[in-house]
Each structure stands twice: as structure tokens, then as C-alpha cells.
């Protein structure tokens, strides 16, 4: 069993046994196929740690990041947000963001749009991504290496409010660590998808700034399982698990903006078969 599998199972059991329901409230999400409210069982303040020096934290109970077991769809989406800093779904290979895009393909002032906004510092003008990369090399003990894309004045102009919205970067010795702050996490659909994305981001930042990948600390304010997903969670809890695969990253890439999805490969990724998941929007 991979560490990611162990953490996922313990988190799901905790939500199933100790979570609270929002059945008595009006909720925003609806089921795509029926249009009926999509209620959840949830917990507040879930915190998980993933040591990237031990393994790449991907689930093995089903393929994550795409049906083909390569993770490419998740990796491509990460590059779309953090490297291209795009807010247009036409720059993205998968169709997962299409429901929140307008007729021109834009998701508004969300995600990549916020990361590319610039600010003036004494060292020069940087966007959020480039500022962190600069500080990691030039001022690694800075306690303010933070990105944040939850910009209140722009929320009404976003196709979807960001769920994973803040990162904080901390260097310990020769290791780079990151905290990912998430206001809301759909445990079945998106939780491990986001984990492998930000684990990859930490690995990429480490490689181009000269550090070893350390820990990814994931803080979730509302960790939820949708009511129609509960049988799927129980199904996963009873599935066979496997050892974690190895993520191979092209060691020749020294500039963050030179990475492509072809520079990443999951080796020996054994996983259970995928299954259809009802979608809440």
C-alpha cells in the first residue's frame, strides 16, 4: 500500500464516521445529470502530510490524472495554471474546465489570471510565480514566499472560485517544502488529483532552484464526500492497493518554463480499474 492510499483511506473513514451533513441547508452544487442539489458529508480542518522523499503520492485504487495511468491530464492542467498562467480552456488539452468557461473559452479572472498579475518589489517587477522562484534562489529564508489567488474583488468575475488557492514555500536545509491551502476538496473526484499536481509543482520548483523535494502539507477547510459518492468511497476502501510508482522527471530541465508534460513519466504505476463518478457542478 502506498502512503497516499493509507492517508486517503484514513481520511475517508474519518469523514464517514465523524463527518457532518449539509442536508438541512440550501447548497450551490447540483448533480449534472438530474439538476438536484448535491449534498455532502464533510469535516472541517483536515490536514495531511506527504513526504516526497519517500514516494510520489498517487492513489493506486484507481488511475489518477487520466484513464491511461500516465497522470498527463492532471500534469497538463497544472502547467496550464502555473506555467502558461492561462484562464482560457482552449489552452488546455482536457475538457474538465469547459462547464465554467464562456463562449470565448475564458473562466474569467481565475486561477492562471491571478498568478500572472504583477507587483513591484525593490528587486524588480514580478508576477506571483516568478517572485517565489526568485526568492528561492536569492532569499531562501524569506518567510513570505506565498502565492494567493483568492482575490475578493475579482470573485464575481470568476467562472469558478478557486478551491486550491494558496501556497506557502519553506526551505529546511537542502529541502524545499510547501503548504497547499484549500477551502474545499471533493475527496473522490479531486483530492488526489490536486495532490499529484502540487507534488509535481514542488518537485519542479525544487529542481530549478537547486533543492531536494521535501514535504507537501495539505490543509483542507471543508473535506467532503458527496452523498452519491459514498458507495464509491466504500468500494475504494475495499480495493487492493499497490506500492507507489516512481515519478521520473527530465533532469536536464533547469528553467521552470521549459517543462512539458513529456518531461514526466510514472514508472510501475499499478492501479485498480477506473469507475464512473457522478459529477456535481
C-alpha atoms as a PDB file:
ATOM      1  CA  UNK A   1       0.000   0.000   0.000  1.00  0.00           C
ATOM      2  CA  UNK A   2       1.289   3.456  -0.879  1.00  0.00           C
ATOM      3  CA  UNK A   3       1.395   6.191   1.755  1.00  0.00           C
ATOM      4  CA  UNK A   4      -1.134   8.121  -0.353  1.00  0.00           C
ATOM      5  CA  UNK A   5      -3.516   5.142  -0.196  1.00  0.00           C
ATOM      6  CA  UNK A   6      -3.121   4.938   3.586  1.00  0.00           C
ATOM      7  CA  UNK A   7      -3.793   8.652   4.069  1.00  0.00           C
ATOM      8  CA  UNK A   8      -6.771   8.546   1.692  1.00  0.00           C
ATOM      9  CA  UNK A   9      -8.360   5.571   3.440  1.00  0.00           C
ATOM     10  CA  UNK A  10      -7.899   7.051   6.921  1.00  0.00           C
ATOM     11  CA  UNK A  11      -9.316  10.402   5.770  1.00  0.00           C
ATOM     12  CA  UNK A  12     -12.361   8.789   4.136  1.00  0.00           C
ATOM     13  CA  UNK A  13     -13.096   6.618   7.160  1.00  0.00           C
ATOM     14  CA  UNK A  14     -12.866   9.676   9.402  1.00  0.00           C
ATOM     15  CA  UNK A  15     -15.334  11.600   7.232  1.00  0.00           C
ATOM     16  CA  UNK A  16     -17.731   8.654   7.017  1.00  0.00           C
ATOM     17  CA  UNK A  17     -17.621   8.042  10.774  1.00  0.00           C
ATOM     18  CA  UNK A  18     -17.306  11.575  12.137  1.00  0.00           C
ATOM     19  CA  UNK A  19     -18.434  13.926   9.377  1.00  0.00           C
ATOM     20  CA  UNK A  20     -21.496  16.169   9.459  1.00  0.00           C
ATOM     21  CA  UNK A  21     -24.096  16.543   6.742  1.00  0.00           C
ATOM     22  CA  UNK A  22     -25.367  19.656   4.957  1.00  0.00           C
ATOM     23  CA  UNK A  23     -28.721  18.045   4.108  1.00  0.00           C
ATOM     24  CA  UNK A  24     -30.669  20.706   6.008  1.00  0.00           C
ATOM     25  CA  UNK A  25     -29.168  23.581   4.006  1.00  0.00           C
ATOM     26  CA  UNK A  26     -29.534  25.023   0.544  1.00  0.00           C
ATOM     27  CA  UNK A  27     -26.332  24.233  -1.360  1.00  0.00           C
ATOM     28  CA  UNK A  28     -24.846  25.602  -4.582  1.00  0.00           C
ATOM     29  CA  UNK A  29     -23.720  22.346  -6.292  1.00  0.00           C
ATOM     30  CA  UNK A  30     -26.237  20.306  -8.274  1.00  0.00           C
ATOM     31  CA  UNK A  31     -25.955  16.931  -9.955  1.00  0.00           C
ATOM     32  CA  UNK A  32     -25.161  17.341 -13.629  1.00  0.00           C
ATOM     33  CA  UNK A  33     -27.474  14.513 -14.710  1.00  0.00           C
ATOM     34  CA  UNK A  34     -30.523  15.392 -12.575  1.00  0.00           C
ATOM     35  CA  UNK A  35     -30.152  19.054 -11.604  1.00  0.00           C
ATOM     36  CA  UNK A  36     -30.966  18.143  -7.996  1.00  0.00           C
ATOM     37  CA  UNK A  37     -28.973  19.519  -5.027  1.00  0.00           C
ATOM     38  CA  UNK A  38     -25.720  17.672  -4.357  1.00  0.00           C
ATOM     39  CA  UNK A  39     -25.373  17.297  -0.596  1.00  0.00           C
ATOM     40  CA  UNK A  40     -22.260  16.215   1.260  1.00  0.00           C
ATOM     41  CA  UNK A  41     -20.832  14.609   4.365  1.00  0.00           C
ATOM     42  CA  UNK A  42     -17.875  16.750   5.430  1.00  0.00           C
ATOM     43  CA  UNK A  43     -15.225  17.520   8.027  1.00  0.00           C
ATOM     44  CA  UNK A  44     -13.576  20.800   8.930  1.00  0.00           C
ATOM     45  CA  UNK A  45      -9.805  21.213   9.107  1.00  0.00           C
ATOM     46  CA  UNK A  46      -8.312  18.086   7.554  1.00  0.00           C
ATOM     47  CA  UNK A  47      -4.503  18.168   7.422  1.00  0.00           C
ATOM     48  CA  UNK A  48      -2.364  15.615   5.585  1.00  0.00           C
ATOM     49  CA  UNK A  49       1.415  15.417   5.099  1.00  0.00           C
ATOM     50  CA  UNK A  50       3.151  13.832   2.115  1.00  0.00           C
ATOM     51  CA  UNK A  51       6.903  13.248   2.263  1.00  0.00           C
ATOM     52  CA  UNK A  52       8.051  13.419  -1.350  1.00  0.00           C
ATOM     53  CA  UNK A  53      11.439  11.977  -0.424  1.00  0.00           C
ATOM     54  CA  UNK A  54       9.604   8.720   0.318  1.00  0.00           C
ATOM     55  CA  UNK A  55       7.228   8.422  -2.624  1.00  0.00           C
ATOM     56  CA  UNK A  56       5.169  10.190  -5.248  1.00  0.00           C
ATOM     57  CA  UNK A  57       1.763  10.422  -3.512  1.00  0.00           C
ATOM     58  CA  UNK A  58      -0.664   8.981  -6.051  1.00  0.00           C
ATOM     59  CA  UNK A  59      -3.554   6.621  -5.279  1.00  0.00           C
ATOM     60  CA  UNK A  60      -3.392   3.068  -6.586  1.00  0.00           C
ATOM     61  CA  UNK A  61      -7.039   2.083  -6.049  1.00  0.00           C
ATOM     62  CA  UNK A  62      -7.878   3.696  -9.410  1.00  0.00           C
ATOM     63  CA  UNK A  63      -5.911   5.685 -12.029  1.00  0.00           C
ATOM     64  CA  UNK A  64      -5.463   9.355 -11.140  1.00  0.00           C
ATOM     65  CA  UNK A  65      -4.789  12.162 -13.593  1.00  0.00           C
ATOM     66  CA  UNK A  66      -6.303  10.405 -16.598  1.00  0.00           C
ATOM     67  CA  UNK A  67      -7.665   6.999 -17.509  1.00  0.00           C
ATOM     68  CA  UNK A  68      -4.407   5.878 -19.127  1.00  0.00           C
ATOM     69  CA  UNK A  69      -2.403   5.834 -15.884  1.00  0.00           C
ATOM     70  CA  UNK A  70       0.103   8.462 -17.040  1.00  0.00           C
ATOM     71  CA  UNK A  71      -1.172  11.380 -14.959  1.00  0.00           C
ATOM     72  CA  UNK A  72      -0.859  13.573 -18.053  1.00  0.00           C
ATOM     73  CA  UNK A  73      -4.248  15.285 -17.782  1.00  0.00           C
ATOM     74  CA  UNK A  74      -3.535  16.429 -14.232  1.00  0.00           C
ATOM     75  CA  UNK A  75       0.014  17.485 -15.112  1.00  0.00           C
ATOM     76  CA  UNK A  76      -1.199  19.395 -18.177  1.00  0.00           C
ATOM     77  CA  UNK A  77      -3.760  21.259 -16.084  1.00  0.00           C
ATOM     78  CA  UNK A  78      -1.061  22.224 -13.583  1.00  0.00           C
ATOM     79  CA  UNK A  79       1.128  23.631 -16.361  1.00  0.00           C
ATOM     80  CA  UNK A  80      -1.915  25.442 -17.776  1.00  0.00           C
ATOM     81  CA  UNK A  81      -2.391  27.273 -14.475  1.00  0.00           C
ATOM     82  CA  UNK A  82       1.158  27.734 -13.175  1.00  0.00           C
ATOM     83  CA  UNK A  83       3.332  27.848 -16.275  1.00  0.00           C
ATOM     84  CA  UNK A  84       1.061  29.226 -19.006  1.00  0.00           C
ATOM     85  CA  UNK A  85      -0.851  31.222 -16.371  1.00  0.00           C
ATOM     86  CA  UNK A  86      -3.848  30.848 -18.620  1.00  0.00           C
ATOM     87  CA  UNK A  87      -7.523  31.302 -17.861  1.00  0.00           C
ATOM     88  CA  UNK A  88      -8.684  30.040 -21.259  1.00  0.00           C
ATOM     89  CA  UNK A  89      -9.725  26.424 -21.686  1.00  0.00           C
ATOM     90  CA  UNK A  90      -8.541  26.456 -25.310  1.00  0.00           C
ATOM     91  CA  UNK A  91      -5.006  26.295 -23.903  1.00  0.00           C
ATOM     92  CA  UNK A  92      -5.883  23.102 -22.009  1.00  0.00           C
ATOM     93  CA  UNK A  93      -5.928  19.615 -23.516  1.00  0.00           C
ATOM     94  CA  UNK A  94      -8.678  18.143 -21.344  1.00  0.00           C
ATOM     95  CA  UNK A  95     -12.309  19.341 -21.231  1.00  0.00           C
ATOM     96  CA  UNK A  96     -12.745  19.379 -17.464  1.00  0.00           C
ATOM     97  CA  UNK A  97     -12.979  23.167 -17.221  1.00  0.00           C
ATOM     98  CA  UNK A  98     -15.421  23.644 -20.091  1.00  0.00           C
ATOM     99  CA  UNK A  99     -18.572  23.909 -17.903  1.00  0.00           C
ATOM    100  CA  UNK A 100     -17.198  27.077 -16.282  1.00  0.00           C
ATOM    101  CA  UNK A 101     -15.935  28.791 -19.471  1.00  0.00           C
ATOM    102  CA  UNK A 102     -17.713  31.402 -21.537  1.00  0.00           C
ATOM    103  CA  UNK A 103     -18.221  31.306 -25.318  1.00  0.00           C
ATOM    104  CA  UNK A 104     -14.636  32.509 -25.819  1.00  0.00           C
ATOM    105  CA  UNK A 105     -13.200  29.807 -23.567  1.00  0.00           C
ATOM    106  CA  UNK A 106     -12.407  32.120 -20.654  1.00  0.00           C
ATOM    107  CA  UNK A 107     -13.017  31.206 -17.000  1.00  0.00           C
ATOM    108  CA  UNK A 108     -12.686  34.874 -16.081  1.00  0.00           C
ATOM    109  CA  UNK A 109     -10.262  36.340 -13.568  1.00  0.00           C
ATOM    110  CA  UNK A 110      -9.496  32.960 -12.036  1.00  0.00           C
ATOM    111  CA  UNK A 111      -6.506  30.676 -11.467  1.00  0.00           C
ATOM    112  CA  UNK A 112      -3.813  31.453 -14.049  1.00  0.00           C
ATOM    113  CA  UNK A 113      -5.097  35.001 -14.468  1.00  0.00           C
ATOM    114  CA  UNK A 114      -4.307  35.762 -10.835  1.00  0.00           C
ATOM    115  CA  UNK A 115      -0.869  34.129 -10.900  1.00  0.00           C
ATOM    116  CA  UNK A 116       0.258  36.343 -13.774  1.00  0.00           C
ATOM    117  CA  UNK A 117      -0.670  39.598 -12.037  1.00  0.00           C
ATOM    118  CA  UNK A 118       2.472  41.620 -11.374  1.00  0.00           C
ATOM    119  CA  UNK A 119       3.657  43.650  -8.403  1.00  0.00           C
ATOM    120  CA  UNK A 120       6.635  45.902  -7.837  1.00  0.00           C
ATOM    121  CA  UNK A 121       9.341  44.881  -5.348  1.00  0.00           C
ATOM    122  CA  UNK A 122      12.652  46.518  -4.524  1.00  0.00           C
ATOM    123  CA  UNK A 123      14.352  43.885  -6.716  1.00  0.00           C
ATOM    124  CA  UNK A 124      12.061  44.500  -9.666  1.00  0.00           C
ATOM    125  CA  UNK A 125       8.637  43.605 -11.063  1.00  0.00           C
ATOM    126  CA  UNK A 126       7.427  40.004 -10.715  1.00  0.00           C
ATOM    127  CA  UNK A 127       4.240  38.008 -11.033  1.00  0.00           C
ATOM    128  CA  UNK A 128       3.405  35.590  -8.217  1.00  0.00           C
ATOM    129  CA  UNK A 129       5.143  32.556  -9.711  1.00  0.00           C
ATOM    130  CA  UNK A 130       8.321  34.364 -10.678  1.00  0.00           C
ATOM    131  CA  UNK A 131       8.530  36.060  -7.282  1.00  0.00           C
ATOM    132  CA  UNK A 132       8.658  32.711  -5.468  1.00  0.00           C
ATOM    133  CA  UNK A 133      11.215  31.339  -7.916  1.00  0.00           C
ATOM    134  CA  UNK A 134      13.364  34.458  -7.477  1.00  0.00           C
ATOM    135  CA  UNK A 135      13.223  34.302  -3.678  1.00  0.00           C
ATOM    136  CA  UNK A 136      14.081  30.596  -3.559  1.00  0.00           C
ATOM    137  CA  UNK A 137      17.377  31.344  -5.268  1.00  0.00           C
ATOM    138  CA  UNK A 138      18.166  34.795  -3.859  1.00  0.00           C
ATOM    139  CA  UNK A 139      16.485  34.896  -0.434  1.00  0.00           C
ATOM    140  CA  UNK A 140      15.519  31.345   0.606  1.00  0.00           C
ATOM    141  CA  UNK A 141      14.971  32.271   4.276  1.00  0.00           C
ATOM    142  CA  UNK A 142      12.184  34.682   3.357  1.00  0.00           C
ATOM    143  CA  UNK A 143       9.071  33.796   5.353  1.00  0.00           C
ATOM    144  CA  UNK A 144       6.756  35.376   2.854  1.00  0.00           C
ATOM    145  CA  UNK A 145       7.122  33.103  -0.179  1.00  0.00           C
ATOM    146  CA  UNK A 146       3.383  32.893  -0.726  1.00  0.00           C
ATOM    147  CA  UNK A 147       1.004  32.778  -3.674  1.00  0.00           C
ATOM    148  CA  UNK A 148      -2.690  33.516  -3.268  1.00  0.00           C
ATOM    149  CA  UNK A 149      -5.333  33.521  -5.995  1.00  0.00           C
ATOM    150  CA  UNK A 150      -8.448  34.080  -3.848  1.00  0.00           C
ATOM    151  CA  UNK A 151      -8.835  37.767  -4.700  1.00  0.00           C
ATOM    152  CA  UNK A 152     -12.089  39.045  -3.255  1.00  0.00           C
ATOM    153  CA  UNK A 153     -12.647  41.953  -5.616  1.00  0.00           C
ATOM    154  CA  UNK A 154     -12.413  39.567  -8.584  1.00  0.00           C
ATOM    155  CA  UNK A 155     -14.623  36.728  -7.280  1.00  0.00           C
ATOM    156  CA  UNK A 156     -17.683  37.967  -9.178  1.00  0.00           C
ATOM    157  CA  UNK A 157     -15.639  37.834 -12.385  1.00  0.00           C
ATOM    158  CA  UNK A 158     -14.533  34.218 -11.961  1.00  0.00           C
ATOM    159  CA  UNK A 159     -16.224  31.270 -13.645  1.00  0.00           C
ATOM    160  CA  UNK A 160     -15.458  29.264 -10.507  1.00  0.00           C
ATOM    161  CA  UNK A 161     -13.948  30.382  -7.224  1.00  0.00           C
ATOM    162  CA  UNK A 162     -10.559  28.731  -6.668  1.00  0.00           C
ATOM    163  CA  UNK A 163     -10.620  25.693  -4.390  1.00  0.00           C
ATOM    164  CA  UNK A 164      -6.852  25.256  -4.003  1.00  0.00           C
ATOM    165  CA  UNK A 165      -5.963  28.915  -3.542  1.00  0.00           C
ATOM    166  CA  UNK A 166      -2.757  29.421  -1.564  1.00  0.00           C
ATOM    167  CA  UNK A 167       0.767  28.040  -1.388  1.00  0.00           C
ATOM    168  CA  UNK A 168       3.492  28.808   1.129  1.00  0.00           C
ATOM    169  CA  UNK A 169       7.103  27.772   0.476  1.00  0.00           C
ATOM    170  CA  UNK A 170       9.648  26.972   3.199  1.00  0.00           C
ATOM    171  CA  UNK A 171      13.258  25.832   2.837  1.00  0.00           C
ATOM    172  CA  UNK A 172      14.660  23.498   5.505  1.00  0.00           C
ATOM    173  CA  UNK A 173      18.319  22.675   4.925  1.00  0.00           C
ATOM    174  CA  UNK A 174      18.581  21.345   1.390  1.00  0.00           C
ATOM    175  CA  UNK A 175      14.861  20.586   1.127  1.00  0.00           C
ATOM    176  CA  UNK A 176      12.001  22.636  -0.261  1.00  0.00           C
ATOM    177  CA  UNK A 177       8.609  22.236   1.394  1.00  0.00           C
ATOM    178  CA  UNK A 178       5.204  23.627   0.534  1.00  0.00           C
ATOM    179  CA  UNK A 179       1.864  24.125   2.246  1.00  0.00           C
ATOM    180  CA  UNK A 180      -1.178  23.932  -0.011  1.00  0.00           C
ATOM    181  CA  UNK A 181      -4.260  25.624   1.427  1.00  0.00           C
ATOM    182  CA  UNK A 182      -7.603  24.508   0.051  1.00  0.00           C
ATOM    183  CA  UNK A 183     -11.005  25.892   1.053  1.00  0.00           C
ATOM    184  CA  UNK A 184     -12.933  22.946  -0.387  1.00  0.00           C
ATOM    185  CA  UNK A 185     -11.985  19.469  -1.572  1.00  0.00           C
ATOM    186  CA  UNK A 186     -14.172  16.918  -3.357  1.00  0.00           C
ATOM    187  CA  UNK A 187     -12.471  13.855  -1.879  1.00  0.00           C
ATOM    188  CA  UNK A 188     -13.499  11.330  -4.540  1.00  0.00           C
ATOM    189  CA  UNK A 189     -13.100  13.400  -7.707  1.00  0.00           C
ATOM    190  CA  UNK A 190     -10.405  15.955  -6.979  1.00  0.00           C
ATOM    191  CA  UNK A 191      -8.462  15.319  -3.777  1.00  0.00           C
ATOM    192  CA  UNK A 192      -5.662  13.135  -5.083  1.00  0.00           C
ATOM    193  CA  UNK A 193      -5.765  14.890  -8.462  1.00  0.00           C
ATOM    194  CA  UNK A 194      -4.754  18.086  -6.631  1.00  0.00           C
ATOM    195  CA  UNK A 195      -2.188  16.229  -4.518  1.00  0.00           C
ATOM    196  CA  UNK A 196      -0.263  14.874  -7.507  1.00  0.00           C
ATOM    197  CA  UNK A 197      -0.413  18.283  -9.193  1.00  0.00           C
ATOM    198  CA  UNK A 198       1.086  20.172  -6.267  1.00  0.00           C
ATOM    199  CA  UNK A 199       3.540  17.384  -5.522  1.00  0.00           C
ATOM    200  CA  UNK A 200       4.736  17.798  -9.114  1.00  0.00           C
ATOM    201  CA  UNK A 201       4.864  21.577  -8.712  1.00  0.00           C
ATOM    202  CA  UNK A 202       7.025  21.169  -5.606  1.00  0.00           C
ATOM    203  CA  UNK A 203       9.308  18.777  -7.486  1.00  0.00           C
ATOM    204  CA  UNK A 204       9.644  21.183 -10.432  1.00  0.00           C
ATOM    205  CA  UNK A 205      10.364  24.191  -8.211  1.00  0.00           C
ATOM    206  CA  UNK A 206      12.915  22.107  -6.291  1.00  0.00           C
ATOM    207  CA  UNK A 207      14.729  21.036  -9.432  1.00  0.00           C
ATOM    208  CA  UNK A 208      15.052  24.509 -10.952  1.00  0.00           C
ATOM    209  CA  UNK A 209      16.092  26.163  -7.671  1.00  0.00           C
ATOM    210  CA  UNK A 210      18.599  23.552  -6.526  1.00  0.00           C
ATOM    211  CA  UNK A 211      16.758  21.834  -3.671  1.00  0.00           C
ATOM    212  CA  UNK A 212      15.552  18.346  -2.895  1.00  0.00           C
ATOM    213  CA  UNK A 213      11.764  17.896  -2.650  1.00  0.00           C
ATOM    214  CA  UNK A 214      10.625  17.793   0.965  1.00  0.00           C
ATOM    215  CA  UNK A 215       7.115  17.710   2.405  1.00  0.00           C
ATOM    216  CA  UNK A 216       3.796  18.743   0.919  1.00  0.00           C
ATOM    217  CA  UNK A 217       1.451  19.820   3.707  1.00  0.00           C
ATOM    218  CA  UNK A 218      -2.192  19.845   2.571  1.00  0.00           C
ATOM    219  CA  UNK A 219      -4.682  21.858   4.640  1.00  0.00           C
ATOM    220  CA  UNK A 220      -8.365  21.459   3.730  1.00  0.00           C
ATOM    221  CA  UNK A 221     -11.056  23.613   5.339  1.00  0.00           C
ATOM    222  CA  UNK A 222     -14.003  21.576   4.031  1.00  0.00           C
ATOM    223  CA  UNK A 223     -13.154  17.993   3.068  1.00  0.00           C
ATOM    224  CA  UNK A 224     -16.342  16.470   1.700  1.00  0.00           C
ATOM    225  CA  UNK A 225     -17.798  13.336   0.190  1.00  0.00           C
ATOM    226  CA  UNK A 226     -20.921  13.820  -1.912  1.00  0.00           C
ATOM    227  CA  UNK A 227     -23.891  11.660  -0.924  1.00  0.00           C
ATOM    228  CA  UNK A 228     -23.889   9.773  -4.237  1.00  0.00           C
ATOM    229  CA  UNK A 229     -20.141   9.163  -3.883  1.00  0.00           C
ATOM    230  CA  UNK A 230     -20.354   7.348  -0.552  1.00  0.00           C
ATOM    231  CA  UNK A 231     -20.790   3.884  -2.169  1.00  0.00           C
ATOM    232  CA  UNK A 232     -17.776   4.647  -4.412  1.00  0.00           C
ATOM    233  CA  UNK A 233     -15.670   5.545  -1.382  1.00  0.00           C
ATOM    234  CA  UNK A 234     -16.605   2.298   0.316  1.00  0.00           C
ATOM    235  CA  UNK A 235     -15.747   0.464  -2.893  1.00  0.00           C
ATOM    236  CA  UNK A 236     -12.282   2.045  -2.931  1.00  0.00           C
ATOM    237  CA  UNK A 237     -11.720   1.263   0.742  1.00  0.00           C
ATOM    238  CA  UNK A 238     -12.100  -2.440  -0.035  1.00  0.00           C
ATOM    239  CA  UNK A 239      -9.904  -2.467  -3.134  1.00  0.00           C
ATOM    240  CA  UNK A 240      -6.458  -3.956  -3.429  1.00  0.00           C
ATOM    241  CA  UNK A 241      -3.638  -1.424  -3.168  1.00  0.00           C
ATOM    242  CA  UNK A 242      -0.128  -1.402  -4.611  1.00  0.00           C
ATOM    243  CA  UNK A 243       3.256   0.156  -3.974  1.00  0.00           C
ATOM    244  CA  UNK A 244       3.645   3.747  -5.099  1.00  0.00           C
ATOM    245  CA  UNK A 245       5.021   4.296  -8.605  1.00  0.00           C
ATOM    246  CA  UNK A 246       8.146   6.313  -9.323  1.00  0.00           C
ATOM    247  CA  UNK A 247       7.842   9.705 -10.954  1.00  0.00           C
ATOM    248  CA  UNK A 248      10.656  10.318 -13.407  1.00  0.00           C
ATOM    249  CA  UNK A 249      11.391  13.962 -14.258  1.00  0.00           C
ATOM    250  CA  UNK A 250      13.719  15.042 -17.034  1.00  0.00           C
ATOM    251  CA  UNK A 251      16.848  16.144 -15.090  1.00  0.00           C
ATOM    252  CA  UNK A 252      18.057  18.347 -17.933  1.00  0.00           C
ATOM    253  CA  UNK A 253      15.313  20.938 -17.437  1.00  0.00           C
ATOM    254  CA  UNK A 254      16.700  23.847 -15.415  1.00  0.00           C
ATOM    255  CA  UNK A 255      14.102  26.504 -16.226  1.00  0.00           C
ATOM    256  CA  UNK A 256      10.553  26.172 -14.909  1.00  0.00           C
ATOM    257  CA  UNK A 257       9.085  27.415 -18.185  1.00  0.00           C
ATOM    258  CA  UNK A 258      10.863  24.739 -20.218  1.00  0.00           C
ATOM    259  CA  UNK A 259       8.945  21.812 -18.664  1.00  0.00           C
ATOM    260  CA  UNK A 260       6.386  19.995 -20.807  1.00  0.00           C
ATOM    261  CA  UNK A 261       4.181  17.027 -19.963  1.00  0.00           C
ATOM    262  CA  UNK A 262       6.646  14.874 -21.902  1.00  0.00           C
ATOM    263  CA  UNK A 263       9.239  15.540 -19.186  1.00  0.00           C
ATOM    264  CA  UNK A 264       7.251  13.497 -16.638  1.00  0.00           C
ATOM    265  CA  UNK A 265       6.697   9.748 -16.542  1.00  0.00           C
ATOM    266  CA  UNK A 266       5.099   7.458 -13.966  1.00  0.00           C
ATOM    267  CA  UNK A 267       7.024   4.185 -13.825  1.00  0.00           C
ATOM    268  CA  UNK A 268       5.465   0.966 -12.487  1.00  0.00           C
ATOM    269  CA  UNK A 269       2.106   2.572 -11.776  1.00  0.00           C
ATOM    270  CA  UNK A 270      -0.126  -0.335 -10.789  1.00  0.00           C
ATOM    271  CA  UNK A 271      -3.712   0.630 -10.091  1.00  0.00           C
ATOM    272  CA  UNK A 272      -7.251  -0.690  -9.965  1.00  0.00           C
ATOM    273  CA  UNK A 273      -9.657  -0.097 -12.816  1.00  0.00           C
ATOM    274  CA  UNK A 274     -11.416   3.232 -13.115  1.00  0.00           C
ATOM    275  CA  UNK A 275     -15.136   3.665 -12.468  1.00  0.00           C
ATOM    276  CA  UNK A 276     -17.750   6.216 -13.458  1.00  0.00           C
ATOM    277  CA  UNK A 277     -18.236   9.033 -10.956  1.00  0.00           C
ATOM    278  CA  UNK A 278     -21.398  11.190 -10.924  1.00  0.00           C
ATOM    279  CA  UNK A 279     -20.418  14.830 -11.380  1.00  0.00           C
ATOM    280  CA  UNK A 280     -21.628  17.696  -9.203  1.00  0.00           C
ATOM    281  CA  UNK A 281     -21.346  21.199 -10.667  1.00  0.00           C
END
